[in-house]
Amino acid sequence: MKTRPLICFAAAICMAAMFSCRRGDMPVIPSEPVEVNPWDTVSGEIYGFFLLNEGNMGSNKASLDYYDYGTGVYTRNIFGERNPYETKDLGDVGNDLKIYGDRLWAVINCSNYVEVMDVRTVRHLAKIAVPNCRYLAFDEGYAYVSAYAGPVKIDQNARIGMVVKIDTATLSVVDTCIVGYQPEGMAVVGNKLYVANSGGYRAPDYDNTVSVIDLDTFDEMYKIPVAINLHRIVPDRYGKLYVSSRGDYYDTPSVTCVIDTKTDMCIDTLHLLPNSNMALYGDSLYVYSTEFSYLTNGWSVSYAILDTKTGRTVSRNFITDGTDKDIQVPYGLAVHPATGEILVADARDYVSPGTLHCFSPDGKRKWSVTTGDIPAHMVFTRKRLEPAE
């Protein structure tokens, strides 16, 4: 789930389909493979990618898709048929997706748990209870999960947030650390965990800090003042962190802030780089923005590339063939770490299936495919996905 102005998540749309049954006669929605790019398969260490569709809040429609680079086949909704005894499939609102070792981790925000799967089979291994969980980070055998900790509710008195520490061997919670209000994205640099605090439930009194946690003691050392309503955070290879601020949707616009991890100070605010999501490829930081304003009651969409070595914006639109006009609401972004292909997910109207677009490194669209509802989070895998049993 994201904090979106003026958007209410509708209940699930009725789907007419042939269903098999799981225990208790709960329906299992079958997977849907479609051949989208068989003429240009990609070999190498990366076998494919998973895409987590958030699904509409309250509908238990989070779903998992998979693209196979060896066959060019995109398969929708692979979790249900591989886990027929999980009565609610993935659950309510998928908010993050990561791979660590041989396991695929999915944050299911409104269901208040992290789903852990075998990355080769997507079979369920565990559900780890974390209240109002948001994002994942990993380091040295531990998973870290940011959590709003309280109920899903706009409230000036919303409780302060926390980060939960999970042992990835035992899949058990071993510690917690209090941070700022409504913490979001995280990044590990050295022995420190950086946590972007949003304060989104307390608007207009947003949080404006990045919490810094000592991973040796798992205590918050201090907070770095940055900008209001923080969201995502990405480290580069030069010791800098890029942090997105969503602004207040009125007079304070979205910006990208830069933190020097050597001094833990904010050293720059890139006012000309609004930021809803970003992905790093080498020294290129790909950024898109879907910025809403209550003043105009409208959205502005932009795409850009920042050179992290020079600090200069080198492109104001990484989609070069004009097909950006076909994207209604960009909502997910990833760049293939070997080929440089760019993936942009379109949430469209937030209540019906979205679309995933693949662009060549020079920004020309190669293919598009229908996804689940609200496609958002992608992760590339170096493990081959086994066929469903």
Protein backbone atom coordinates (compact mmCIF):
# COMPACT_ATOMS: atom_id res chain seq x y z
CA MET A 1 0.00 0.00 0.00
CA LYS A 2 1.13 3.58 -0.69
CA THR A 3 -0.12 6.83 0.80
CA ARG A 4 -2.03 8.25 -2.17
CA PRO A 5 -4.00 11.53 -2.08
CA LEU A 6 -7.65 11.39 -3.09
CA ILE A 7 -7.57 7.71 -3.95
CA CYS A 8 -9.84 5.15 -2.36
CA PHE A 9 -9.15 1.53 -3.10
CA ALA A 10 -12.23 -0.15 -4.51
CA ALA A 11 -13.27 -3.66 -3.64
CA ALA A 12 -12.12 -6.43 -5.92
CA ILE A 13 -13.64 -6.69 -9.36
CA CYS A 14 -15.55 -9.92 -9.92
CA MET A 15 -13.61 -12.31 -12.12
CA ALA A 16 -15.22 -14.96 -14.27
CA ALA A 17 -12.83 -17.90 -14.42
CA MET A 18 -12.61 -21.64 -14.07
CA PHE A 19 -11.44 -22.47 -10.55
CA SER A 20 -9.98 -25.54 -8.96
CA CYS A 21 -10.57 -25.93 -5.21
CA ARG A 22 -8.42 -25.94 -2.11
CA ARG A 23 -9.24 -27.26 1.34
CA GLY A 24 -12.56 -25.84 2.53
CA ASP A 25 -13.71 -25.27 -1.07
CA MET A 26 -11.82 -21.98 -1.30
CA PRO A 27 -11.14 -21.19 -4.97
CA VAL A 28 -7.67 -21.33 -6.46
CA ILE A 29 -7.21 -18.86 -9.28
CA PRO A 30 -5.15 -20.57 -12.00
CA SER A 31 -1.96 -19.03 -13.37
CA GLU A 32 -2.10 -17.36 -16.78
CA PRO A 33 0.96 -17.78 -19.01
CA VAL A 34 1.29 -15.63 -22.12
CA GLU A 35 4.11 -15.57 -24.64
CA VAL A 36 5.22 -11.95 -24.94
CA ASN A 37 8.81 -11.97 -26.19
CA PRO A 38 9.94 -15.37 -27.55
CA TRP A 39 12.04 -13.83 -30.32
CA ASP A 40 14.46 -12.04 -28.00
CA THR A 41 15.22 -14.27 -25.03
CA VAL A 42 18.04 -13.33 -22.66
CA SER A 43 20.63 -15.82 -21.41
CA GLY A 44 23.00 -15.37 -18.50
CA GLU A 45 22.92 -15.55 -14.72
CA ILE A 46 19.52 -13.90 -14.42
CA TYR A 47 16.74 -16.35 -15.26
CA GLY A 48 13.77 -14.05 -14.82
CA PHE A 49 12.00 -11.65 -12.50
CA PHE A 50 9.09 -11.71 -10.09
CA LEU A 51 6.52 -8.93 -9.95
CA LEU A 52 4.37 -8.32 -6.88
CA ASN A 53 0.98 -6.78 -7.59
CA GLU A 54 -0.28 -4.82 -4.61
CA GLY A 55 -3.99 -5.49 -5.18
CA ASN A 56 -6.80 -3.29 -3.90
CA MET A 57 -6.95 -2.64 -0.18
CA GLY A 58 -9.44 -4.85 1.58
CA SER A 59 -9.74 -7.32 -1.29
CA ASN A 60 -6.99 -9.87 -0.49
CA LYS A 61 -5.84 -9.59 -4.10
CA ALA A 62 -2.09 -9.25 -3.77
CA SER A 63 -0.62 -11.54 -6.43
CA LEU A 64 2.71 -12.69 -7.83
CA ASP A 65 3.71 -12.81 -11.51
CA TYR A 66 6.85 -14.20 -13.15
CA TYR A 67 8.71 -13.50 -16.40
CA ASP A 68 11.07 -16.16 -17.80
CA TYR A 69 13.97 -14.76 -19.84
CA GLY A 70 14.68 -18.15 -21.38
CA THR A 71 11.24 -18.56 -22.97
CA GLY A 72 9.88 -15.02 -23.16
CA VAL A 73 6.77 -16.18 -21.27
CA TYR A 74 5.07 -13.98 -18.66
CA THR A 75 2.88 -15.84 -16.16
CA ARG A 76 0.30 -14.09 -14.03
CA ASN A 77 -0.73 -15.24 -10.56
CA ILE A 78 1.69 -18.06 -9.81
CA PHE A 79 1.28 -18.13 -6.01
CA GLY A 80 -2.20 -19.65 -5.71
CA GLU A 81 -1.76 -22.88 -7.65
CA ARG A 82 1.63 -23.50 -6.03
CA ASN A 83 0.13 -22.97 -2.57
CA PRO A 84 -3.42 -24.34 -2.71
CA TYR A 85 -3.71 -24.58 1.09
CA GLU A 86 -3.00 -20.87 1.70
CA THR A 87 -6.61 -19.79 2.07
CA LYS A 88 -6.18 -16.11 1.18
CA ASP A 89 -3.46 -16.46 -1.44
CA LEU A 90 -0.85 -13.77 -0.73
CA GLY A 91 -3.21 -11.56 1.28
CA ASP A 92 -4.10 -7.88 1.47
CA VAL A 93 -1.79 -5.34 -0.24
CA GLY A 94 1.69 -6.43 -1.35
CA ASN A 95 4.13 -3.67 -0.42
CA ASP A 96 7.66 -4.97 -1.07
CA LEU A 97 9.48 -7.92 -2.65
CA LYS A 98 13.07 -9.06 -2.17
CA ILE A 99 15.26 -12.17 -2.62
CA TYR A 100 17.76 -13.19 0.03
CA GLY A 101 19.63 -16.44 -0.47
CA ASP A 102 17.20 -19.15 -1.56
CA ARG A 103 14.12 -17.35 -0.32
CA LEU A 104 11.65 -14.89 -1.77
CA TRP A 105 10.25 -12.41 0.76
CA ALA A 106 7.01 -10.45 0.24
CA VAL A 107 5.69 -7.77 2.60
CA ILE A 108 1.90 -8.00 2.86
CA ASN A 109 1.04 -4.69 4.44
CA CYS A 110 -2.61 -4.82 5.56
CA SER A 111 -2.45 -8.53 6.37
CA ASN A 112 0.29 -7.64 8.87
CA TYR A 113 2.81 -10.29 7.86
CA VAL A 114 5.84 -11.07 5.73
CA GLU A 115 5.35 -14.08 3.44
CA VAL A 116 8.52 -16.17 2.97
CA MET A 117 8.72 -18.53 -0.02
CA ASP A 118 11.22 -20.87 -1.65
CA VAL A 119 12.59 -18.85 -4.57
CA ARG A 120 12.84 -21.92 -6.85
CA THR A 121 9.29 -23.17 -6.29
CA VAL A 122 7.40 -20.20 -4.75
CA ARG A 123 6.12 -22.64 -2.13
CA HIS A 124 5.09 -21.11 1.20
CA LEU A 125 7.63 -21.48 4.01
CA ALA A 126 6.42 -19.09 6.70
CA LYS A 127 4.32 -16.08 7.59
CA ILE A 128 6.06 -13.73 10.03
CA ALA A 129 3.73 -11.39 11.91
CA VAL A 130 4.71 -7.71 11.65
CA PRO A 131 2.00 -5.07 12.25
CA ASN A 132 1.43 -2.70 9.29
CA CYS A 133 4.70 -3.78 7.67
CA ARG A 134 6.18 -1.76 4.82
CA TYR A 135 9.66 -2.49 3.36
CA LEU A 136 12.58 -4.93 3.58
CA ALA A 137 16.35 -4.77 3.87
CA PHE A 138 18.89 -7.56 4.49
CA ASP A 139 22.37 -7.84 5.97
CA GLU A 140 24.54 -10.61 7.43
CA GLY A 141 21.81 -13.18 7.95
CA TYR A 142 19.11 -10.82 9.16
CA ALA A 143 16.04 -9.32 7.56
CA TYR A 144 14.86 -5.85 8.58
CA VAL A 145 11.23 -4.83 8.16
CA SER A 146 9.97 -1.27 8.58
CA ALA A 147 6.56 -1.07 10.23
CA TYR A 148 4.03 1.65 10.95
CA ALA A 149 3.22 -0.60 13.95
CA GLY A 150 -0.29 0.81 14.46
CA PRO A 151 -3.58 0.42 12.57
CA VAL A 152 -4.04 1.52 8.94
CA LYS A 153 -5.56 4.89 9.72
CA ILE A 154 -4.93 8.60 9.23
CA ASP A 155 -4.50 9.85 12.79
CA GLN A 156 -2.63 12.81 14.27
CA ASN A 157 -1.96 10.57 17.26
CA ALA A 158 -0.68 7.63 15.21
CA ARG A 159 1.98 5.74 17.11
CA ILE A 160 5.66 5.98 16.32
CA GLY A 161 7.10 3.36 13.97
CA MET A 162 9.68 0.63 14.33
CA VAL A 163 12.04 -1.70 12.49
CA VAL A 164 11.74 -5.43 13.18
CA LYS A 165 14.83 -7.67 13.04
CA ILE A 166 14.31 -11.24 11.81
CA ASP A 167 16.79 -14.12 11.87
CA THR A 168 16.69 -15.47 8.29
CA ALA A 169 17.76 -18.95 9.42
CA THR A 170 15.04 -19.47 12.02
CA LEU A 171 12.52 -17.02 10.52
CA SER A 172 11.87 -15.65 13.98
CA VAL A 173 11.72 -12.05 15.23
CA VAL A 174 14.75 -11.39 17.45
CA ASP A 175 14.60 -7.63 18.12
CA THR A 176 12.85 -4.34 17.40
CA CYS A 177 14.03 -0.73 17.21
CA ILE A 178 11.83 2.37 17.55
CA VAL A 179 12.44 4.91 14.76
CA GLY A 180 10.34 7.81 13.40
CA TYR A 181 6.70 8.07 12.39
CA GLN A 182 5.47 5.78 9.61
CA PRO A 183 8.87 4.49 8.41
CA GLU A 184 9.21 3.46 4.77
CA GLY A 185 12.24 2.45 2.67
CA MET A 186 15.57 1.35 4.14
CA ALA A 187 19.18 0.90 3.06
CA VAL A 188 22.22 -0.75 4.67
CA VAL A 189 25.59 1.00 4.33
CA GLY A 190 28.45 -0.46 6.34
CA ASN A 191 27.18 -1.31 9.81
CA LYS A 192 24.35 1.22 9.68
CA LEU A 193 20.71 0.90 8.64
CA TYR A 194 19.11 4.05 7.24
CA VAL A 195 15.32 4.36 7.56
CA ALA A 196 13.20 6.96 5.75
CA ASN A 197 10.45 8.26 8.05
CA SER A 198 7.32 9.68 6.40
CA GLY A 199 4.83 10.64 9.11
CA GLY A 200 2.20 10.05 6.44
CA TYR A 201 -0.58 9.23 8.89
CA ARG A 202 0.02 12.50 10.74
CA ALA A 203 -0.37 14.88 7.81
CA PRO A 204 0.12 17.81 7.67
CA ASP A 205 2.60 17.20 10.53
CA TYR A 206 4.87 14.96 8.46
CA ASP A 207 8.10 13.48 9.74
CA ASN A 208 11.21 14.82 8.01
CA THR A 209 14.00 12.54 9.21
CA VAL A 210 16.10 9.52 8.32
CA SER A 211 16.77 7.30 11.33
CA VAL A 212 20.26 5.80 11.58
CA ILE A 213 20.46 2.43 13.37
CA ASP A 214 23.70 0.84 14.58
CA LEU A 215 23.42 -2.75 13.36
CA ASP A 216 25.84 -3.99 16.04
CA THR A 217 23.59 -2.84 18.90
CA PHE A 218 20.34 -2.44 16.94
CA ASP A 219 19.74 0.94 18.57
CA GLU A 220 18.85 4.19 16.84
CA MET A 221 21.93 6.43 17.05
CA TYR A 222 20.34 9.63 15.76
CA LYS A 223 18.06 11.11 13.12
CA ILE A 224 19.16 13.11 10.08
CA PRO A 225 16.85 16.06 9.18
CA VAL A 226 16.13 15.79 5.46
CA ALA A 227 12.72 16.78 4.02
CA ILE A 228 9.07 16.01 4.74
CA ASN A 229 7.13 12.86 3.92
CA LEU A 230 10.08 10.65 2.99
CA HIS A 231 9.56 7.41 1.08
CA ARG A 232 12.31 5.56 -0.80
CA ILE A 233 16.04 5.38 -0.21
CA VAL A 234 18.80 4.07 -2.54
CA PRO A 235 22.59 3.93 -1.95
CA ASP A 236 25.11 4.49 -4.74
CA ARG A 237 28.71 3.28 -5.02
CA TYR A 238 30.17 6.59 -3.79
CA GLY A 239 28.82 6.59 -0.24
CA LYS A 240 25.75 8.67 -0.99
CA LEU A 241 22.10 7.92 -0.30
CA TYR A 242 19.27 9.21 -2.47
CA VAL A 243 16.07 9.79 -0.53
CA SER A 244 12.70 10.67 -2.07
CA SER A 245 10.45 13.25 -0.45
CA ARG A 246 6.80 13.29 -1.54
CA GLY A 247 6.19 16.84 -0.31
CA ASP A 248 2.79 17.85 1.06
CA TYR A 249 0.77 17.79 -2.21
CA TYR A 250 0.22 21.55 -1.86
CA ASP A 251 3.02 24.13 -1.83
CA THR A 252 5.91 21.83 -0.93
CA PRO A 253 6.84 19.75 -4.00
CA SER A 254 8.48 16.35 -4.24
CA VAL A 255 12.30 16.46 -4.28
CA THR A 256 15.29 14.11 -4.16
CA CYS A 257 17.63 14.53 -1.20
CA VAL A 258 21.25 13.39 -1.01
CA ILE A 259 22.90 12.14 2.20
CA ASP A 260 26.65 11.69 2.61
CA THR A 261 27.01 8.48 4.67
CA LYS A 262 30.53 9.45 5.74
CA THR A 263 29.20 12.45 7.68
CA ASP A 264 25.52 11.43 7.87
CA MET A 265 24.46 14.86 6.71
CA CYS A 266 22.10 15.94 3.95
CA ILE A 267 24.44 17.56 1.43
CA ASP A 268 22.04 18.42 -1.38
CA THR A 269 18.36 18.75 -2.24
CA LEU A 270 17.61 18.23 -5.93
CA HIS A 271 14.57 20.47 -6.38
CA LEU A 272 14.38 19.78 -10.12
CA LEU A 273 14.18 16.02 -9.56
CA PRO A 274 10.74 15.08 -8.16
CA ASN A 275 10.81 11.44 -7.13
CA SER A 276 8.16 8.75 -6.70
CA ASN A 277 10.41 5.77 -7.42
CA MET A 278 13.99 5.09 -8.47
CA ALA A 279 16.28 2.30 -9.60
CA LEU A 280 20.07 2.34 -9.81
CA TYR A 281 21.96 0.91 -12.80
CA GLY A 282 25.70 1.51 -12.60
CA ASP A 283 26.10 5.26 -12.12
CA SER A 284 22.65 5.99 -13.57
CA LEU A 285 19.78 6.61 -11.20
CA TYR A 286 16.50 6.15 -13.06
CA VAL A 287 13.72 8.21 -11.51
CA TYR A 288 10.06 8.72 -12.29
CA SER A 289 7.60 11.02 -10.56
CA THR A 290 3.81 10.98 -10.38
CA GLU A 291 3.28 14.19 -8.45
CA PHE A 292 -0.21 15.16 -7.30
CA SER A 293 -1.23 18.69 -6.33
CA TYR A 294 -4.35 19.62 -4.39
CA LEU A 295 -3.93 23.14 -5.78
CA THR A 296 -4.44 22.03 -9.39
CA ASN A 297 -6.29 18.80 -8.57
CA GLY A 298 -4.09 17.08 -11.14
CA TRP A 299 -1.02 14.94 -11.68
CA SER A 300 2.31 15.68 -13.34
CA VAL A 301 4.40 12.76 -14.59
CA SER A 302 8.11 12.87 -15.39
CA TYR A 303 10.99 10.48 -16.11
CA ALA A 304 14.67 11.28 -15.64
CA ILE A 305 18.19 9.87 -15.28
CA LEU A 306 20.69 11.27 -12.77
CA ASP A 307 24.42 10.59 -13.10
CA THR A 308 25.42 9.71 -9.53
CA LYS A 309 29.12 10.28 -10.24
CA THR A 310 28.72 13.85 -11.47
CA GLY A 311 25.43 14.73 -9.78
CA ARG A 312 23.99 15.97 -13.07
CA THR A 313 20.64 15.11 -14.61
CA VAL A 314 21.54 13.63 -18.00
CA SER A 315 18.04 12.92 -19.30
CA ARG A 316 14.61 14.40 -18.72
CA ASN A 317 12.84 11.42 -20.27
CA PHE A 318 14.36 7.95 -20.40
CA ILE A 319 11.46 6.82 -22.64
CA THR A 320 12.56 8.12 -26.02
CA ASP A 321 10.01 6.79 -28.53
CA GLY A 322 6.95 8.70 -27.34
CA THR A 323 5.28 5.67 -25.78
CA ASP A 324 5.34 7.29 -22.33
CA LYS A 325 1.95 8.71 -23.37
CA ASP A 326 0.58 5.15 -23.15
CA ILE A 327 1.47 4.93 -19.44
CA GLN A 328 -1.38 6.18 -17.31
CA VAL A 329 0.15 5.91 -13.80
CA PRO A 330 3.78 4.69 -13.55
CA TYR A 331 3.93 2.69 -10.34
CA GLY A 332 6.87 0.29 -10.51
CA LEU A 333 10.42 0.58 -11.86
CA ALA A 334 13.35 -1.80 -12.33
CA VAL A 335 16.43 -1.99 -14.56
CA HIS A 336 17.92 -5.34 -15.62
CA PRO A 337 21.36 -5.42 -13.95
CA ALA A 338 23.06 -7.01 -16.97
CA THR A 339 21.27 -5.74 -20.08
CA GLY A 340 20.08 -2.33 -18.91
CA GLU A 341 16.53 -2.99 -20.09
CA ILE A 342 14.03 -0.78 -18.25
CA LEU A 343 10.79 -2.09 -16.77
CA VAL A 344 7.97 0.33 -15.97
CA ALA A 345 4.72 -0.89 -14.39
CA ASP A 346 1.48 1.03 -14.98
CA ALA A 347 -1.21 0.88 -12.27
CA ARG A 348 -3.74 2.43 -14.68
CA ASP A 349 -6.95 3.06 -12.69
CA TYR A 350 -5.86 1.19 -9.53
CA VAL A 351 -8.87 -1.15 -9.64
CA SER A 352 -8.31 -3.26 -12.76
CA PRO A 353 -5.32 -5.19 -14.16
CA GLY A 354 -2.26 -3.08 -14.85
CA THR A 355 0.38 -3.20 -17.58
CA LEU A 356 4.11 -3.87 -17.57
CA HIS A 357 6.23 -2.23 -20.27
CA CYS A 358 9.77 -3.30 -21.19
CA PHE A 359 12.06 -0.72 -22.83
CA SER A 360 15.45 -1.18 -24.44
CA PRO A 361 18.39 0.64 -22.80
CA ASP A 362 17.92 3.48 -25.29
CA GLY A 363 14.31 3.95 -24.21
CA LYS A 364 12.35 2.25 -26.98
CA ARG A 365 9.47 -0.03 -26.03
CA LYS A 366 10.07 -3.72 -26.74
CA TRP A 367 6.95 -5.34 -25.33
CA SER A 368 4.02 -4.87 -22.97
CA VAL A 369 1.91 -7.35 -20.99
CA THR A 370 -1.12 -7.32 -18.70
CA THR A 371 -0.35 -7.83 -15.00
CA GLY A 372 -2.42 -8.18 -11.84
CA ASP A 373 -4.00 -5.23 -10.07
CA ILE A 374 -1.58 -2.41 -9.17
CA PRO A 375 1.77 -3.86 -10.34
CA ALA A 376 4.51 -2.36 -8.21
CA HIS A 377 7.52 -4.34 -6.98
CA MET A 378 10.01 -6.30 -9.10
CA VAL A 379 13.03 -8.44 -8.26
CA PHE A 380 15.39 -10.29 -10.60
CA THR A 381 16.28 -13.89 -9.78
CA ARG A 382 19.43 -15.89 -10.36
CA LYS A 383 17.63 -19.11 -9.42
CA ARG A 384 15.70 -21.03 -12.03
CA LEU A 385 11.97 -21.25 -11.25
CA GLU A 386 10.85 -24.86 -11.30
CA PRO A 387 7.61 -25.84 -13.07
CA ALA A 388 4.48 -26.03 -10.93
CA GLU A 389 3.67 -29.55 -9.76
